[in-house]
Amino acid sequence: MEQPAPTKNGQHMLSHLLAIAYHVLEETKYMNLRPPLRPSSKLFALDAPAPGSPPRSPTEADTPQDETHPDVNGLAAGFAGAAHTQTGNQGHPIVLPYSPEEIQDTYTKIAALKAQYIKISAELLEAVKEVEAKKTPPQDDKDTMAKLVARRNQLRKVRRSQ
């Protein structure tokens, strides 16, 4: 009668783990459509200065420019203003709908889900260890049974010899 309770609890924990994984996937589903936290970063720009070359003027590096962003994998089509850049009107930059706060909020949610996942995984591991510990006593029963069988056989031999 006690066996179904740990199984049900284990199933409950597994369903929580699956729900957490689902929430992480939902949060990350559209992350590649969101801009980086520092959109003015020139880290991966083709015209970035090579090591040893003279630095650019500070005003050029710090000011955001109205340049068109390359449409990587056709992702810009989902952003407002993308139709203007595709028609040749270069005066309108792509409007990115997500603020850095929203992006950071996504990372915060994922971190919270990770903490929940780790906690539930630890609880599930403890439950598995408890079930394994409950399965250990039958080994003691086998040893006891082997001793009883040996004693019975010994007593039978004594009876036969009488």
C-alpha atoms as a PDB file:
ATOM      1  CA  MET A   1       0.000   0.000   0.000  1.00  0.00           C
ATOM      2  CA  GLU A   2       2.916   2.378   0.668  1.00  0.00           C
ATOM      3  CA  GLN A   3       4.465   1.788  -2.771  1.00  0.00           C
ATOM      4  CA  PRO A   4       1.953   3.852  -4.868  1.00  0.00           C
ATOM      5  CA  ALA A   5       2.576   7.026  -2.829  1.00  0.00           C
ATOM      6  CA  PRO A   6       6.282   7.412  -3.801  1.00  0.00           C
ATOM      7  CA  THR A   7       5.455   6.535  -7.416  1.00  0.00           C
ATOM      8  CA  LYS A   8       2.715   9.155  -7.535  1.00  0.00           C
ATOM      9  CA  ASN A   9       5.039  11.679  -5.895  1.00  0.00           C
ATOM     10  CA  GLY A  10       7.751  10.784  -8.416  1.00  0.00           C
ATOM     11  CA  GLN A  11       5.310  11.204 -11.280  1.00  0.00           C
ATOM     12  CA  HIS A  12       4.279  14.557  -9.842  1.00  0.00           C
ATOM     13  CA  MET A  13       7.928  15.664  -9.684  1.00  0.00           C
ATOM     14  CA  LEU A  14       8.574  14.487 -13.225  1.00  0.00           C
ATOM     15  CA  SER A  15       5.567  16.430 -14.472  1.00  0.00           C
ATOM     16  CA  HIS A  16       6.956  19.526 -12.727  1.00  0.00           C
ATOM     17  CA  LEU A  17      10.323  19.001 -14.427  1.00  0.00           C
ATOM     18  CA  LEU A  18       8.637  18.717 -17.804  1.00  0.00           C
ATOM     19  CA  ALA A  19       6.588  21.845 -17.123  1.00  0.00           C
ATOM     20  CA  ILE A  20       9.757  23.765 -16.236  1.00  0.00           C
ATOM     21  CA  ALA A  21      11.470  22.583 -19.419  1.00  0.00           C
ATOM     22  CA  TYR A  22       8.403  23.679 -21.400  1.00  0.00           C
ATOM     23  CA  HIS A  23       8.489  27.143 -19.797  1.00  0.00           C
ATOM     24  CA  VAL A  24      12.194  27.522 -20.610  1.00  0.00           C
ATOM     25  CA  LEU A  25      11.492  26.612 -24.225  1.00  0.00           C
ATOM     26  CA  GLU A  26       8.618  29.107 -24.343  1.00  0.00           C
ATOM     27  CA  GLU A  27      10.868  31.852 -22.957  1.00  0.00           C
ATOM     28  CA  THR A  28      13.662  31.122 -25.406  1.00  0.00           C
ATOM     29  CA  LYS A  29      11.421  30.593 -28.428  1.00  0.00           C
ATOM     30  CA  TYR A  30      11.714  34.139 -29.728  1.00  0.00           C
ATOM     31  CA  MET A  31      14.964  35.185 -28.076  1.00  0.00           C
ATOM     32  CA  ASN A  32      16.850  35.173 -31.373  1.00  0.00           C
ATOM     33  CA  LEU A  33      14.453  37.884 -32.564  1.00  0.00           C
ATOM     34  CA  ARG A  34      15.408  40.162 -29.695  1.00  0.00           C
ATOM     35  CA  PRO A  35      18.289  42.608 -29.993  1.00  0.00           C
ATOM     36  CA  PRO A  36      21.469  42.210 -27.969  1.00  0.00           C
ATOM     37  CA  LEU A  37      21.680  44.037 -24.653  1.00  0.00           C
ATOM     38  CA  ARG A  38      24.046  46.573 -26.247  1.00  0.00           C
ATOM     39  CA  PRO A  39      22.742  47.149 -29.783  1.00  0.00           C
ATOM     40  CA  SER A  40      25.544  49.613 -30.568  1.00  0.00           C
ATOM     41  CA  SER A  41      28.188  46.913 -30.085  1.00  0.00           C
ATOM     42  CA  LYS A  42      30.644  46.652 -32.969  1.00  0.00           C
ATOM     43  CA  LEU A  43      32.083  43.350 -31.751  1.00  0.00           C
ATOM     44  CA  PHE A  44      31.086  41.372 -34.819  1.00  0.00           C
ATOM     45  CA  ALA A  45      31.072  44.212 -37.343  1.00  0.00           C
ATOM     46  CA  LEU A  46      32.973  43.617 -40.578  1.00  0.00           C
ATOM     47  CA  ASP A  47      34.575  47.050 -40.432  1.00  0.00           C
ATOM     48  CA  ALA A  48      35.853  46.594 -36.858  1.00  0.00           C
ATOM     49  CA  PRO A  49      39.467  47.733 -36.536  1.00  0.00           C
ATOM     50  CA  ALA A  50      42.082  45.029 -36.527  1.00  0.00           C
ATOM     51  CA  PRO A  51      44.381  44.736 -33.496  1.00  0.00           C
ATOM     52  CA  GLY A  52      47.157  47.300 -33.752  1.00  0.00           C
ATOM     53  CA  SER A  53      45.224  49.699 -35.983  1.00  0.00           C
ATOM     54  CA  PRO A  54      44.505  53.236 -34.772  1.00  0.00           C
ATOM     55  CA  PRO A  55      41.291  53.542 -32.708  1.00  0.00           C
ATOM     56  CA  ARG A  56      38.242  55.285 -34.056  1.00  0.00           C
ATOM     57  CA  SER A  57      37.155  58.614 -32.715  1.00  0.00           C
ATOM     58  CA  PRO A  58      35.173  58.249 -29.462  1.00  0.00           C
ATOM     59  CA  THR A  59      32.138  60.045 -30.858  1.00  0.00           C
ATOM     60  CA  GLU A  60      31.867  57.604 -33.744  1.00  0.00           C
ATOM     61  CA  ALA A  61      32.011  54.535 -31.495  1.00  0.00           C
ATOM     62  CA  ASP A  62      29.599  55.833 -28.850  1.00  0.00           C
ATOM     63  CA  THR A  63      26.819  57.304 -30.974  1.00  0.00           C
ATOM     64  CA  PRO A  64      24.149  55.017 -32.386  1.00  0.00           C
ATOM     65  CA  GLN A  65      23.991  55.240 -36.140  1.00  0.00           C
ATOM     66  CA  ASP A  66      21.041  55.039 -38.484  1.00  0.00           C
ATOM     67  CA  GLU A  67      22.446  52.126 -40.416  1.00  0.00           C
ATOM     68  CA  THR A  68      20.447  49.243 -41.718  1.00  0.00           C
ATOM     69  CA  HIS A  69      20.987  45.999 -39.940  1.00  0.00           C
ATOM     70  CA  PRO A  70      21.583  42.982 -42.156  1.00  0.00           C
ATOM     71  CA  ASP A  71      18.573  40.723 -42.371  1.00  0.00           C
ATOM     72  CA  VAL A  72      20.022  37.575 -40.836  1.00  0.00           C
ATOM     73  CA  ASN A  73      17.935  34.543 -41.820  1.00  0.00           C
ATOM     74  CA  GLY A  74      15.024  36.819 -42.746  1.00  0.00           C
ATOM     75  CA  LEU A  75      14.357  37.739 -39.114  1.00  0.00           C
ATOM     76  CA  ALA A  76      13.990  41.463 -39.728  1.00  0.00           C
ATOM     77  CA  ALA A  77      10.714  40.881 -41.549  1.00  0.00           C
ATOM     78  CA  GLY A  78       8.946  40.484 -38.207  1.00  0.00           C
ATOM     79  CA  PHE A  79      10.071  43.848 -36.859  1.00  0.00           C
ATOM     80  CA  ALA A  80       8.169  47.073 -37.360  1.00  0.00           C
ATOM     81  CA  GLY A  81       9.882  49.245 -39.928  1.00  0.00           C
ATOM     82  CA  ALA A  82      11.465  46.344 -41.776  1.00  0.00           C
ATOM     83  CA  ALA A  83       9.281  46.954 -44.809  1.00  0.00           C
ATOM     84  CA  HIS A  84      10.834  50.405 -45.192  1.00  0.00           C
ATOM     85  CA  THR A  85      14.374  49.045 -45.304  1.00  0.00           C
ATOM     86  CA  GLN A  86      13.503  46.359 -47.800  1.00  0.00           C
ATOM     87  CA  THR A  87      11.916  48.816 -50.228  1.00  0.00           C
ATOM     88  CA  GLY A  88      15.093  50.845 -50.471  1.00  0.00           C
ATOM     89  CA  ASN A  89      14.098  53.694 -48.147  1.00  0.00           C
ATOM     90  CA  GLN A  90      17.235  53.787 -45.975  1.00  0.00           C
ATOM     91  CA  GLY A  91      16.089  56.726 -43.811  1.00  0.00           C
ATOM     92  CA  HIS A  92      14.113  54.560 -41.362  1.00  0.00           C
ATOM     93  CA  PRO A  93      16.021  52.238 -39.027  1.00  0.00           C
ATOM     94  CA  ILE A  94      14.547  48.941 -37.918  1.00  0.00           C
ATOM     95  CA  VAL A  95      12.424  49.432 -34.819  1.00  0.00           C
ATOM     96  CA  LEU A  96      13.232  46.704 -32.309  1.00  0.00           C
ATOM     97  CA  PRO A  97      10.176  45.892 -30.186  1.00  0.00           C
ATOM     98  CA  TYR A  98      12.065  44.560 -27.134  1.00  0.00           C
ATOM     99  CA  SER A  99      13.812  46.740 -24.594  1.00  0.00           C
ATOM    100  CA  PRO A 100      16.932  45.594 -22.706  1.00  0.00           C
ATOM    101  CA  GLU A 101      14.751  45.321 -19.592  1.00  0.00           C
ATOM    102  CA  GLU A 102      12.482  42.820 -21.347  1.00  0.00           C
ATOM    103  CA  ILE A 103      15.486  40.809 -22.457  1.00  0.00           C
ATOM    104  CA  GLN A 104      16.937  40.835 -18.949  1.00  0.00           C
ATOM    105  CA  ASP A 105      13.511  39.785 -17.655  1.00  0.00           C
ATOM    106  CA  THR A 106      13.682  36.727 -19.906  1.00  0.00           C
ATOM    107  CA  TYR A 107      17.093  35.797 -18.525  1.00  0.00           C
ATOM    108  CA  THR A 108      15.789  36.295 -14.987  1.00  0.00           C
ATOM    109  CA  LYS A 109      12.818  34.017 -15.681  1.00  0.00           C
ATOM    110  CA  ILE A 110      15.112  31.357 -17.131  1.00  0.00           C
ATOM    111  CA  ALA A 111      17.392  31.580 -14.083  1.00  0.00           C
ATOM    112  CA  ALA A 112      14.386  31.162 -11.766  1.00  0.00           C
ATOM    113  CA  LEU A 113      13.180  28.167 -13.777  1.00  0.00           C
ATOM    114  CA  LYS A 114      16.672  26.675 -13.585  1.00  0.00           C
ATOM    115  CA  ALA A 115      16.653  27.035  -9.791  1.00  0.00           C
ATOM    116  CA  GLN A 116      13.255  25.296  -9.620  1.00  0.00           C
ATOM    117  CA  TYR A 117      14.505  22.543 -11.915  1.00  0.00           C
ATOM    118  CA  ILE A 118      17.573  21.926  -9.752  1.00  0.00           C
ATOM    119  CA  LYS A 119      15.470  21.862  -6.567  1.00  0.00           C
ATOM    120  CA  ILE A 120      12.911  19.420  -7.954  1.00  0.00           C
ATOM    121  CA  SER A 121      15.663  17.256  -9.470  1.00  0.00           C
ATOM    122  CA  ALA A 122      17.333  17.021  -6.059  1.00  0.00           C
ATOM    123  CA  GLU A 123      14.002  16.076  -4.448  1.00  0.00           C
ATOM    124  CA  LEU A 124      13.408  13.457  -7.129  1.00  0.00           C
ATOM    125  CA  LEU A 125      16.896  12.040  -6.599  1.00  0.00           C
ATOM    126  CA  GLU A 126      16.220  11.780  -2.863  1.00  0.00           C
ATOM    127  CA  ALA A 127      12.917  10.011  -3.578  1.00  0.00           C
ATOM    128  CA  VAL A 128      14.714   7.540  -5.858  1.00  0.00           C
ATOM    129  CA  LYS A 129      17.320   6.911  -3.153  1.00  0.00           C
ATOM    130  CA  GLU A 130      14.534   6.271  -0.619  1.00  0.00           C
ATOM    131  CA  VAL A 131      12.901   3.754  -2.948  1.00  0.00           C
ATOM    132  CA  GLU A 132      16.269   2.057  -3.471  1.00  0.00           C
ATOM    133  CA  ALA A 133      16.772   1.945   0.304  1.00  0.00           C
ATOM    134  CA  LYS A 134      13.380   0.270   0.704  1.00  0.00           C
ATOM    135  CA  LYS A 135      14.370  -2.361  -1.858  1.00  0.00           C
ATOM    136  CA  THR A 136      17.528  -3.264   0.102  1.00  0.00           C
ATOM    137  CA  PRO A 137      15.803  -5.194   2.963  1.00  0.00           C
ATOM    138  CA  PRO A 138      14.687  -8.029   0.652  1.00  0.00           C
ATOM    139  CA  GLN A 139      18.397  -8.870   0.339  1.00  0.00           C
ATOM    140  CA  ASP A 140      18.452  -9.344   4.113  1.00  0.00           C
ATOM    141  CA  ASP A 141      15.368 -11.538   3.719  1.00  0.00           C
ATOM    142  CA  LYS A 142      17.234 -13.640   1.151  1.00  0.00           C
ATOM    143  CA  ASP A 143      20.141 -14.087   3.559  1.00  0.00           C
ATOM    144  CA  THR A 144      17.765 -15.057   6.345  1.00  0.00           C
ATOM    145  CA  MET A 145      15.963 -17.450   4.027  1.00  0.00           C
ATOM    146  CA  ALA A 146      19.259 -19.041   2.977  1.00  0.00           C
ATOM    147  CA  LYS A 147      20.191 -19.551   6.646  1.00  0.00           C
ATOM    148  CA  LEU A 148      16.786 -21.133   7.361  1.00  0.00           C
ATOM    149  CA  VAL A 149      17.095 -23.484   4.375  1.00  0.00           C
ATOM    150  CA  ALA A 150      20.604 -24.491   5.494  1.00  0.00           C
ATOM    151  CA  ARG A 151      19.333 -25.128   9.036  1.00  0.00           C
ATOM    152  CA  ARG A 152      16.397 -27.184   7.705  1.00  0.00           C
ATOM    153  CA  ASN A 153      18.710 -29.275   5.577  1.00  0.00           C
ATOM    154  CA  GLN A 154      21.004 -29.775   8.569  1.00  0.00           C
ATOM    155  CA  LEU A 155      18.054 -30.906  10.707  1.00  0.00           C
ATOM    156  CA  ARG A 156      16.908 -33.322   7.968  1.00  0.00           C
ATOM    157  CA  LYS A 157      20.377 -34.861   7.882  1.00  0.00           C
ATOM    158  CA  VAL A 158      20.278 -35.274  11.660  1.00  0.00           C
ATOM    159  CA  ARG A 159      16.857 -36.992  11.442  1.00  0.00           C
ATOM    160  CA  ARG A 160      17.993 -39.332   8.703  1.00  0.00           C
ATOM    161  CA  SER A 161      21.046 -40.345  10.655  1.00  0.00           C
ATOM    162  CA  GLN A 162      18.916 -41.294  13.696  1.00  0.00           C
END
